N, C-alpha and C. Protein backbone atom coordinates (compact mmCIF):
# COMPACT_ATOMS: atom_id res chain seq x y z
N UNK A 1 94.63 76.72 110.54
CA UNK A 1 94.32 78.00 111.14
C UNK A 1 92.88 77.93 111.66
N UNK A 2 92.69 78.46 112.82
CA UNK A 2 91.35 78.46 113.40
C UNK A 2 90.44 79.41 112.63
N UNK A 3 89.17 79.06 112.60
CA UNK A 3 88.21 79.88 111.86
C UNK A 3 88.07 81.27 112.49
N UNK A 4 88.27 81.38 113.80
CA UNK A 4 88.17 82.69 114.46
C UNK A 4 89.30 83.61 113.99
N UNK A 5 90.49 83.07 113.73
CA UNK A 5 91.59 83.88 113.22
C UNK A 5 91.28 84.39 111.82
N UNK A 6 90.64 83.56 111.02
CA UNK A 6 90.26 83.99 109.68
C UNK A 6 89.24 85.12 109.77
N UNK A 7 88.31 84.99 110.70
CA UNK A 7 87.30 86.04 110.89
C UNK A 7 87.96 87.35 111.31
N UNK A 8 88.90 87.28 112.26
CA UNK A 8 89.59 88.49 112.70
C UNK A 8 90.39 89.11 111.55
N UNK A 9 91.03 88.29 110.76
CA UNK A 9 91.79 88.80 109.62
C UNK A 9 90.86 89.49 108.63
N UNK A 10 89.71 88.89 108.38
CA UNK A 10 88.74 89.49 107.46
C UNK A 10 88.24 90.83 108.01
N UNK A 11 87.86 90.86 109.28
CA UNK A 11 87.36 92.10 109.88
C UNK A 11 88.43 93.19 109.88
N UNK A 12 89.66 92.82 110.20
CA UNK A 12 90.75 93.79 110.19
C UNK A 12 90.97 94.37 108.79
N UNK A 13 90.93 93.51 107.79
CA UNK A 13 91.08 93.97 106.41
C UNK A 13 89.93 94.86 105.99
N UNK A 14 88.73 94.52 106.44
CA UNK A 14 87.56 95.34 106.10
C UNK A 14 87.68 96.73 106.71
N UNK A 15 88.14 96.80 107.95
CA UNK A 15 88.29 98.10 108.61
C UNK A 15 89.34 98.95 107.90
N UNK A 16 90.47 98.34 107.57
CA UNK A 16 91.52 99.09 106.87
C UNK A 16 91.03 99.53 105.50
N UNK A 17 90.32 98.65 104.80
CA UNK A 17 89.80 99.00 103.48
C UNK A 17 88.80 100.13 103.53
N UNK A 18 87.91 100.08 104.51
CA UNK A 18 86.92 101.16 104.66
C UNK A 18 87.59 102.48 105.00
N UNK A 19 88.59 102.42 105.86
CA UNK A 19 89.31 103.64 106.23
C UNK A 19 90.01 104.24 105.01
N UNK A 20 90.66 103.40 104.23
CA UNK A 20 91.35 103.88 103.03
C UNK A 20 90.35 104.46 102.04
N UNK A 21 89.21 103.81 101.88
CA UNK A 21 88.19 104.32 100.95
C UNK A 21 87.68 105.69 101.39
N UNK A 22 87.46 105.84 102.68
CA UNK A 22 87.01 107.14 103.17
C UNK A 22 88.06 108.22 102.95
N UNK A 23 89.32 107.87 103.17
CA UNK A 23 90.39 108.86 103.04
C UNK A 23 90.67 109.20 101.58
N UNK A 24 90.42 108.29 100.67
CA UNK A 24 90.70 108.54 99.27
C UNK A 24 89.48 109.06 98.51
N UNK A 25 88.36 109.16 99.17
CA UNK A 25 87.14 109.65 98.53
C UNK A 25 87.31 111.11 98.15
N UNK A 26 86.66 111.53 97.09
CA UNK A 26 86.82 112.92 96.63
C UNK A 26 85.97 113.91 97.44
N UNK A 27 86.25 114.00 98.72
CA UNK A 27 85.56 114.94 99.60
C UNK A 27 86.62 115.78 100.30
N UNK A 28 86.16 116.88 100.88
CA UNK A 28 87.07 117.70 101.66
C UNK A 28 87.54 116.92 102.88
N UNK A 29 88.77 117.13 103.26
CA UNK A 29 89.33 116.43 104.41
C UNK A 29 88.56 116.65 105.69
N UNK A 30 88.10 117.87 105.90
CA UNK A 30 87.35 118.16 107.13
C UNK A 30 86.02 117.40 107.15
N UNK A 31 85.39 117.25 105.98
CA UNK A 31 84.14 116.49 105.91
C UNK A 31 84.38 115.01 106.22
N UNK A 32 85.48 114.48 105.68
CA UNK A 32 85.80 113.07 105.92
C UNK A 32 86.11 112.84 107.40
N UNK A 33 86.88 113.74 107.99
CA UNK A 33 87.21 113.60 109.41
C UNK A 33 85.95 113.66 110.27
N UNK A 34 85.03 114.54 109.92
CA UNK A 34 83.77 114.65 110.67
C UNK A 34 82.97 113.36 110.54
N UNK A 35 82.95 112.77 109.35
CA UNK A 35 82.23 111.50 109.15
C UNK A 35 82.87 110.39 109.97
N UNK A 36 84.20 110.35 110.00
CA UNK A 36 84.89 109.33 110.80
C UNK A 36 84.51 109.49 112.26
N UNK A 37 84.53 110.71 112.76
CA UNK A 37 84.16 110.97 114.16
C UNK A 37 82.74 110.50 114.44
N UNK A 38 81.82 110.84 113.56
CA UNK A 38 80.42 110.45 113.75
C UNK A 38 80.27 108.94 113.79
N UNK A 39 80.90 108.25 112.85
CA UNK A 39 80.79 106.79 112.78
C UNK A 39 81.35 106.14 114.04
N UNK A 40 82.53 106.60 114.44
CA UNK A 40 83.18 106.01 115.62
C UNK A 40 82.38 106.29 116.88
N UNK A 41 81.86 107.49 117.01
CA UNK A 41 81.08 107.85 118.20
C UNK A 41 79.77 107.08 118.27
N UNK A 42 79.15 106.81 117.10
CA UNK A 42 77.93 106.01 117.09
C UNK A 42 78.19 104.59 117.56
N UNK A 43 79.41 104.12 117.38
CA UNK A 43 79.78 102.78 117.84
C UNK A 43 80.12 102.77 119.32
N UNK A 44 80.07 103.92 119.97
CA UNK A 44 80.31 103.99 121.40
C UNK A 44 81.76 104.22 121.78
N UNK A 45 82.58 104.58 120.82
CA UNK A 45 84.01 104.82 121.09
C UNK A 45 84.21 106.32 121.25
N UNK A 46 84.80 106.70 122.36
CA UNK A 46 85.08 108.11 122.60
C UNK A 46 86.39 108.47 121.92
N UNK A 47 86.35 109.45 121.05
CA UNK A 47 87.55 109.87 120.30
C UNK A 47 87.51 111.38 120.13
N UNK A 48 88.65 111.99 120.25
CA UNK A 48 88.73 113.44 120.09
C UNK A 48 89.13 113.77 118.65
N UNK A 49 88.95 115.03 118.31
CA UNK A 49 89.34 115.47 116.97
C UNK A 49 90.84 115.30 116.75
N UNK A 50 91.62 115.53 117.78
CA UNK A 50 93.07 115.36 117.67
C UNK A 50 93.44 113.91 117.39
N UNK A 51 92.72 112.98 118.02
CA UNK A 51 92.98 111.56 117.78
C UNK A 51 92.61 111.16 116.35
N UNK A 52 91.55 111.73 115.82
CA UNK A 52 91.18 111.46 114.43
C UNK A 52 92.25 112.01 113.50
N UNK A 53 92.73 113.21 113.78
CA UNK A 53 93.79 113.80 112.96
C UNK A 53 95.04 112.92 112.99
N UNK A 54 95.38 112.38 114.16
CA UNK A 54 96.54 111.50 114.28
C UNK A 54 96.33 110.22 113.48
N UNK A 55 95.12 109.68 113.52
CA UNK A 55 94.80 108.48 112.76
C UNK A 55 94.93 108.73 111.27
N UNK A 56 94.41 109.85 110.81
CA UNK A 56 94.49 110.21 109.39
C UNK A 56 95.95 110.38 108.98
N UNK A 57 96.73 111.03 109.80
CA UNK A 57 98.15 111.21 109.49
C UNK A 57 98.88 109.87 109.42
N UNK A 58 98.55 108.97 110.34
CA UNK A 58 99.19 107.65 110.33
C UNK A 58 98.81 106.86 109.09
N UNK A 59 97.55 106.91 108.71
CA UNK A 59 97.11 106.20 107.52
C UNK A 59 97.72 106.82 106.26
N UNK A 60 97.90 108.13 106.25
CA UNK A 60 98.52 108.78 105.09
C UNK A 60 99.97 108.38 104.94
N UNK A 61 100.67 108.25 106.06
CA UNK A 61 102.07 107.80 106.01
C UNK A 61 102.16 106.36 105.50
N UNK A 62 101.18 105.54 105.82
CA UNK A 62 101.21 104.14 105.42
C UNK A 62 101.07 104.01 103.91
N UNK A 63 100.43 104.98 103.25
CA UNK A 63 100.24 104.94 101.80
C UNK A 63 101.53 105.24 101.07
N UNK A 64 102.42 105.98 101.67
CA UNK A 64 103.66 106.41 101.00
C UNK A 64 104.64 105.33 100.89
């Protein structure tokens, strides 16, 4: 396996892990969604509140 594939696998796992940690943290859902929006926007990605809600819903379904 190429080392770049290992790096991509690691980064993908880190992103999923961070997302799960944020969603499972003992904070209000609206606070967590606002933090996700802030983090993503600081990275230069344009995302709407509806898209964040859809992402949260998709990640919640994946846990079940």
